[in-house]
Amino acid sequence: MNYMTHTIEPWMPVGATKPKDDIAKIAKKQGWMTLEIDRATQKTTANNLTAHLTPSDIVVHQFPSYLPLEFEENFQNAVQQTGAKFIILIHDFEPLRLSERQNSEREYDLLKRADGLVVHTSEMADALAIPIPTFILGLFDYLTDSKIPDRKLTQDLIFAGTLTKAIWLKNFPLPIKVFGNLPRKW
């Protein structure tokens, strides 16, 4: 059986949860089971999530869950102790963005002990440089039930994302349309 983790965190803004929600929906549509991780009640132990797993199972974990790092380590260990494969699908990996991050070594160790990785780009795979099977996800979009209007090709550059993470926008030399909340520090 194939399993996709899905972190439940209803208090988070939609922009933070939609990518993980969509991936869980797509996996479920493909016949995968969902392993729900409730951030409000999940302890750092993880045996409650893995008791039913068998050696023929695959668990794709959407990382990070934003639970303590101890949970991430315990969850990976609990899955792998069942003999199931543990694949990490990386949404964000703070050690790549923040130099001298506390606990970075532990976070890299999580990736190194995984049975495989799913990353956004080949550049991300190269930066991680972890010698395990790695799948490049590439560009992905949000699921929607809305009609997507026809668009005409323009020269506009549009950025929609977490502006706090995009400090480069403050000094970007070309005209750009930006969508998102203005960071307090700006």
C-alpha atoms as a PDB file:
ATOM      1  CA  MET A   1       0.000   0.000   0.000  1.00  0.00           C
ATOM      2  CA  ASN A   2       1.153   3.553  -0.699  1.00  0.00           C
ATOM      3  CA  TYR A   3       0.690   6.266   1.913  1.00  0.00           C
ATOM      4  CA  MET A   4       0.987  10.064   1.700  1.00  0.00           C
ATOM      5  CA  THR A   5       1.259  12.099   4.870  1.00  0.00           C
ATOM      6  CA  HIS A   6      -1.024  15.080   5.286  1.00  0.00           C
ATOM      7  CA  THR A   7      -0.428  17.522   8.106  1.00  0.00           C
ATOM      8  CA  ILE A   8      -3.686  18.862   9.541  1.00  0.00           C
ATOM      9  CA  GLU A   9      -3.297  22.486  10.649  1.00  0.00           C
ATOM     10  CA  PRO A  10      -6.572  24.411  10.109  1.00  0.00           C
ATOM     11  CA  TRP A  11      -5.270  27.599  11.750  1.00  0.00           C
ATOM     12  CA  MET A  12      -2.614  28.118   9.060  1.00  0.00           C
ATOM     13  CA  PRO A  13      -3.211  30.436   6.087  1.00  0.00           C
ATOM     14  CA  VAL A  14      -4.320  28.731   2.872  1.00  0.00           C
ATOM     15  CA  GLY A  15      -1.090  29.658   1.080  1.00  0.00           C
ATOM     16  CA  ALA A  16       0.874  27.654   3.634  1.00  0.00           C
ATOM     17  CA  THR A  17      -1.272  24.516   3.547  1.00  0.00           C
ATOM     18  CA  LYS A  18      -2.607  24.349  -0.031  1.00  0.00           C
ATOM     19  CA  PRO A  19       0.446  22.670  -1.623  1.00  0.00           C
ATOM     20  CA  LYS A  20       0.369  19.837   0.925  1.00  0.00           C
ATOM     21  CA  ASP A  21      -3.434  19.596   0.752  1.00  0.00           C
ATOM     22  CA  ASP A  22      -3.327  19.350  -3.043  1.00  0.00           C
ATOM     23  CA  ILE A  23      -0.625  16.691  -3.080  1.00  0.00           C
ATOM     24  CA  ALA A  24      -2.603  14.636  -0.544  1.00  0.00           C
ATOM     25  CA  LYS A  25      -5.753  15.000  -2.717  1.00  0.00           C
ATOM     26  CA  ILE A  26      -3.870  13.941  -5.852  1.00  0.00           C
ATOM     27  CA  ALA A  27      -2.359  10.928  -4.075  1.00  0.00           C
ATOM     28  CA  LYS A  28      -5.765   9.896  -2.730  1.00  0.00           C
ATOM     29  CA  LYS A  29      -7.265  10.190  -6.234  1.00  0.00           C
ATOM     30  CA  GLN A  30      -4.511   7.813  -7.426  1.00  0.00           C
ATOM     31  CA  GLY A  31      -5.514   5.215  -4.808  1.00  0.00           C
ATOM     32  CA  TRP A  32      -3.038   6.130  -2.085  1.00  0.00           C
ATOM     33  CA  MET A  33      -4.041   6.137   1.578  1.00  0.00           C
ATOM     34  CA  THR A  34      -3.580   9.264   3.673  1.00  0.00           C
ATOM     35  CA  LEU A  35      -1.642   9.283   6.937  1.00  0.00           C
ATOM     36  CA  GLU A  36      -3.032  12.300   8.748  1.00  0.00           C
ATOM     37  CA  ILE A  37      -0.734  14.068  11.186  1.00  0.00           C
ATOM     38  CA  ASP A  38      -2.705  16.403  13.446  1.00  0.00           C
ATOM     39  CA  ARG A  39      -0.292  19.135  14.524  1.00  0.00           C
ATOM     40  CA  ALA A  40      -2.516  20.098  17.444  1.00  0.00           C
ATOM     41  CA  THR A  41      -2.517  16.656  19.075  1.00  0.00           C
ATOM     42  CA  GLN A  42       0.417  14.667  17.641  1.00  0.00           C
ATOM     43  CA  LYS A  43       3.042  13.787  20.231  1.00  0.00           C
ATOM     44  CA  THR A  44       6.728  13.520  19.347  1.00  0.00           C
ATOM     45  CA  THR A  45       6.352   9.746  19.309  1.00  0.00           C
ATOM     46  CA  ALA A  46       4.910   8.374  16.079  1.00  0.00           C
ATOM     47  CA  ASN A  47       3.907   4.756  16.705  1.00  0.00           C
ATOM     48  CA  ASN A  48       0.236   5.808  16.454  1.00  0.00           C
ATOM     49  CA  LEU A  49       0.857   6.454  12.736  1.00  0.00           C
ATOM     50  CA  THR A  50       2.778   3.296  11.839  1.00  0.00           C
ATOM     51  CA  ALA A  51       1.259   0.296  13.652  1.00  0.00           C
ATOM     52  CA  HIS A  52      -0.523  -0.940  10.491  1.00  0.00           C
ATOM     53  CA  LEU A  53       2.452  -0.617   8.107  1.00  0.00           C
ATOM     54  CA  THR A  54       4.107  -3.629   6.471  1.00  0.00           C
ATOM     55  CA  PRO A  55       7.429  -4.121   4.656  1.00  0.00           C
ATOM     56  CA  SER A  56       5.678  -3.838   1.281  1.00  0.00           C
ATOM     57  CA  ASP A  57       4.378  -0.321   2.050  1.00  0.00           C
ATOM     58  CA  ILE A  58       5.731   3.025   0.881  1.00  0.00           C
ATOM     59  CA  VAL A  59       5.265   6.189   2.938  1.00  0.00           C
ATOM     60  CA  VAL A  60       5.827   9.550   1.260  1.00  0.00           C
ATOM     61  CA  HIS A  61       6.191  12.157   3.980  1.00  0.00           C
ATOM     62  CA  GLN A  62       5.456  15.778   3.129  1.00  0.00           C
ATOM     63  CA  PHE A  63       8.265  17.601   4.925  1.00  0.00           C
ATOM     64  CA  PRO A  64       8.309  19.566   7.085  1.00  0.00           C
ATOM     65  CA  SER A  65       5.320  18.803   9.271  1.00  0.00           C
ATOM     66  CA  TYR A  66       6.348  21.753  11.477  1.00  0.00           C
ATOM     67  CA  LEU A  67       6.203  19.492  14.491  1.00  0.00           C
ATOM     68  CA  PRO A  68       9.400  19.294  16.562  1.00  0.00           C
ATOM     69  CA  LEU A  69      12.411  17.727  14.865  1.00  0.00           C
ATOM     70  CA  GLU A  70      12.157  14.915  17.408  1.00  0.00           C
ATOM     71  CA  PHE A  71       8.810  13.943  15.834  1.00  0.00           C
ATOM     72  CA  GLU A  72      10.346  13.898  12.339  1.00  0.00           C
ATOM     73  CA  GLU A  73      13.133  11.595  13.553  1.00  0.00           C
ATOM     74  CA  ASN A  74      10.777   9.323  15.499  1.00  0.00           C
ATOM     75  CA  PHE A  75       8.329   9.102  12.594  1.00  0.00           C
ATOM     76  CA  GLN A  76      11.036   8.145  10.121  1.00  0.00           C
ATOM     77  CA  ASN A  77      12.435   5.537  12.520  1.00  0.00           C
ATOM     78  CA  ALA A  78       8.976   4.100  13.248  1.00  0.00           C
ATOM     79  CA  VAL A  79       8.182   3.749   9.520  1.00  0.00           C
ATOM     80  CA  GLN A  80      11.529   2.187   8.681  1.00  0.00           C
ATOM     81  CA  GLN A  81      11.339  -0.228  11.628  1.00  0.00           C
ATOM     82  CA  THR A  82       8.232  -1.735  10.004  1.00  0.00           C
ATOM     83  CA  GLY A  83      10.319  -2.401   6.881  1.00  0.00           C
ATOM     84  CA  ALA A  84       8.283   0.121   4.853  1.00  0.00           C
ATOM     85  CA  LYS A  85      10.089   2.547   2.535  1.00  0.00           C
ATOM     86  CA  PHE A  86      10.259   6.168   3.721  1.00  0.00           C
ATOM     87  CA  ILE A  87      10.379   8.854   1.010  1.00  0.00           C
ATOM     88  CA  ILE A  88      10.637  12.545   1.923  1.00  0.00           C
ATOM     89  CA  LEU A  89       8.818  15.037  -0.303  1.00  0.00           C
ATOM     90  CA  ILE A  90      10.452  18.370   0.543  1.00  0.00           C
ATOM     91  CA  HIS A  91       8.284  21.473   0.505  1.00  0.00           C
ATOM     92  CA  ASP A  92      10.720  23.628   2.482  1.00  0.00           C
ATOM     93  CA  PHE A  93      14.193  22.843   3.760  1.00  0.00           C
ATOM     94  CA  GLU A  94      15.360  25.649   6.000  1.00  0.00           C
ATOM     95  CA  PRO A  95      19.059  24.673   6.114  1.00  0.00           C
ATOM     96  CA  LEU A  96      19.290  25.539   2.400  1.00  0.00           C
ATOM     97  CA  ARG A  97      17.898  29.006   3.040  1.00  0.00           C
ATOM     98  CA  LEU A  98      19.380  29.890   6.416  1.00  0.00           C
ATOM     99  CA  SER A  99      23.102  29.657   6.978  1.00  0.00           C
ATOM    100  CA  GLU A 100      24.311  28.381  10.342  1.00  0.00           C
ATOM    101  CA  ARG A 101      20.882  27.074  11.239  1.00  0.00           C
ATOM    102  CA  GLN A 102      20.693  25.302  14.556  1.00  0.00           C
ATOM    103  CA  ASN A 103      19.829  21.591  14.098  1.00  0.00           C
ATOM    104  CA  SER A 104      20.841  21.613  10.417  1.00  0.00           C
ATOM    105  CA  GLU A 105      22.947  18.502  10.844  1.00  0.00           C
ATOM    106  CA  ARG A 106      19.957  16.631  12.274  1.00  0.00           C
ATOM    107  CA  GLU A 107      17.789  17.791   9.362  1.00  0.00           C
ATOM    108  CA  TYR A 108      20.384  16.650   6.813  1.00  0.00           C
ATOM    109  CA  ASP A 109      20.636  13.315   8.654  1.00  0.00           C
ATOM    110  CA  LEU A 110      16.877  12.834   8.200  1.00  0.00           C
ATOM    111  CA  LEU A 111      17.301  13.188   4.455  1.00  0.00           C
ATOM    112  CA  LYS A 112      20.360  10.926   4.339  1.00  0.00           C
ATOM    113  CA  ARG A 113      18.502   8.136   6.164  1.00  0.00           C
ATOM    114  CA  ALA A 114      15.464   8.319   3.872  1.00  0.00           C
ATOM    115  CA  ASP A 115      14.933   5.730   1.156  1.00  0.00           C
ATOM    116  CA  GLY A 116      14.385   8.487  -1.384  1.00  0.00           C
ATOM    117  CA  LEU A 117      13.706  12.192  -1.863  1.00  0.00           C
ATOM    118  CA  VAL A 118      11.296  14.272  -3.904  1.00  0.00           C
ATOM    119  CA  VAL A 119      12.657  17.780  -4.514  1.00  0.00           C
ATOM    120  CA  HIS A 120      11.496  20.816  -6.503  1.00  0.00           C
ATOM    121  CA  THR A 121      14.416  21.249  -8.901  1.00  0.00           C
ATOM    122  CA  SER A 122      17.685  19.719 -10.029  1.00  0.00           C
ATOM    123  CA  GLU A 123      19.415  22.723  -8.400  1.00  0.00           C
ATOM    124  CA  MET A 124      17.865  21.727  -5.084  1.00  0.00           C
ATOM    125  CA  ALA A 125      19.008  18.128  -5.568  1.00  0.00           C
ATOM    126  CA  ASP A 126      22.530  19.364  -6.372  1.00  0.00           C
ATOM    127  CA  ALA A 127      22.589  21.663  -3.321  1.00  0.00           C
ATOM    128  CA  LEU A 128      21.497  18.814  -1.044  1.00  0.00           C
ATOM    129  CA  ALA A 129      24.031  16.421  -2.631  1.00  0.00           C
ATOM    130  CA  ILE A 130      22.556  13.380  -0.884  1.00  0.00           C
ATOM    131  CA  PRO A 131      23.436  10.110  -2.629  1.00  0.00           C
ATOM    132  CA  ILE A 132      20.027   8.425  -2.500  1.00  0.00           C
ATOM    133  CA  PRO A 133      17.358   8.075  -5.202  1.00  0.00           C
ATOM    134  CA  THR A 134      15.958  11.556  -5.887  1.00  0.00           C
ATOM    135  CA  PHE A 135      12.947  12.508  -7.996  1.00  0.00           C
ATOM    136  CA  ILE A 136      12.699  16.047  -9.407  1.00  0.00           C
ATOM    137  CA  LEU A 137       9.089  17.244  -9.026  1.00  0.00           C
ATOM    138  CA  GLY A 138       9.537  20.368 -11.123  1.00  0.00           C
ATOM    139  CA  LEU A 139       6.967  23.088 -11.507  1.00  0.00           C
ATOM    140  CA  PHE A 140       3.624  22.326  -9.902  1.00  0.00           C
ATOM    141  CA  ASP A 141       0.434  24.307  -9.649  1.00  0.00           C
ATOM    142  CA  TYR A 142      -2.546  24.497  -7.317  1.00  0.00           C
ATOM    143  CA  LEU A 143      -5.666  22.438  -7.878  1.00  0.00           C
ATOM    144  CA  THR A 144      -8.751  24.521  -8.594  1.00  0.00           C
ATOM    145  CA  ASP A 145     -12.386  24.039  -9.518  1.00  0.00           C
ATOM    146  CA  SER A 146     -12.509  27.532 -11.015  1.00  0.00           C
ATOM    147  CA  LYS A 147     -12.447  28.104 -14.744  1.00  0.00           C
ATOM    148  CA  ILE A 148      -8.988  29.250 -15.733  1.00  0.00           C
ATOM    149  CA  PRO A 149      -9.356  32.165 -18.141  1.00  0.00           C
ATOM    150  CA  ASP A 150      -7.528  32.298 -21.431  1.00  0.00           C
ATOM    151  CA  ARG A 151      -4.430  34.455 -21.095  1.00  0.00           C
ATOM    152  CA  LYS A 152      -2.594  36.541 -23.616  1.00  0.00           C
ATOM    153  CA  LEU A 153       1.175  36.396 -23.527  1.00  0.00           C
ATOM    154  CA  THR A 154       2.588  39.571 -21.978  1.00  0.00           C
ATOM    155  CA  GLN A 155       5.982  40.791 -20.849  1.00  0.00           C
ATOM    156  CA  ASP A 156       4.733  41.151 -17.261  1.00  0.00           C
ATOM    157  CA  LEU A 157       6.669  39.393 -14.558  1.00  0.00           C
ATOM    158  CA  ILE A 158       4.359  38.328 -11.742  1.00  0.00           C
ATOM    159  CA  PHE A 159       5.529  36.987  -8.389  1.00  0.00           C
ATOM    160  CA  ALA A 160       3.036  35.403  -5.987  1.00  0.00           C
ATOM    161  CA  GLY A 161       4.507  33.915  -2.865  1.00  0.00           C
ATOM    162  CA  THR A 162       5.804  34.419   0.605  1.00  0.00           C
ATOM    163  CA  LEU A 163       7.361  37.850   0.411  1.00  0.00           C
ATOM    164  CA  THR A 164       9.263  37.405   3.673  1.00  0.00           C
ATOM    165  CA  LYS A 165      11.307  34.714   1.930  1.00  0.00           C
ATOM    166  CA  ALA A 166      11.868  36.875  -1.181  1.00  0.00           C
ATOM    167  CA  ILE A 167      14.081  39.682   0.096  1.00  0.00           C
ATOM    168  CA  TRP A 168      15.526  39.967  -3.427  1.00  0.00           C
ATOM    169  CA  LEU A 169      12.276  41.666  -4.479  1.00  0.00           C
ATOM    170  CA  LYS A 170      13.251  44.847  -2.604  1.00  0.00           C
ATOM    171  CA  ASN A 171      16.058  45.475  -5.107  1.00  0.00           C
ATOM    172  CA  PHE A 172      14.700  43.769  -8.222  1.00  0.00           C
ATOM    173  CA  PRO A 173      15.724  45.987 -11.179  1.00  0.00           C
ATOM    174  CA  LEU A 174      12.755  45.325 -13.526  1.00  0.00           C
ATOM    175  CA  PRO A 175       9.040  46.142 -13.227  1.00  0.00           C
ATOM    176  CA  ILE A 176       7.244  43.340 -11.425  1.00  0.00           C
ATOM    177  CA  LYS A 177       3.721  42.695 -10.133  1.00  0.00           C
ATOM    178  CA  VAL A 178       3.848  41.250  -6.628  1.00  0.00           C
ATOM    179  CA  PHE A 179       1.040  39.475  -4.780  1.00  0.00           C
ATOM    180  CA  GLY A 180       1.242  38.694  -1.061  1.00  0.00           C
ATOM    181  CA  ASN A 181       1.242  40.252   2.372  1.00  0.00           C
ATOM    182  CA  LEU A 182       3.774  43.015   2.935  1.00  0.00           C
ATOM    183  CA  PRO A 183       6.284  41.745   5.543  1.00  0.00           C
ATOM    184  CA  ARG A 184       6.339  43.759   8.775  1.00  0.00           C
ATOM    185  CA  LYS A 185      10.093  44.329   8.497  1.00  0.00           C
ATOM    186  CA  TRP A 186       9.697  46.059   5.111  1.00  0.00           C
END
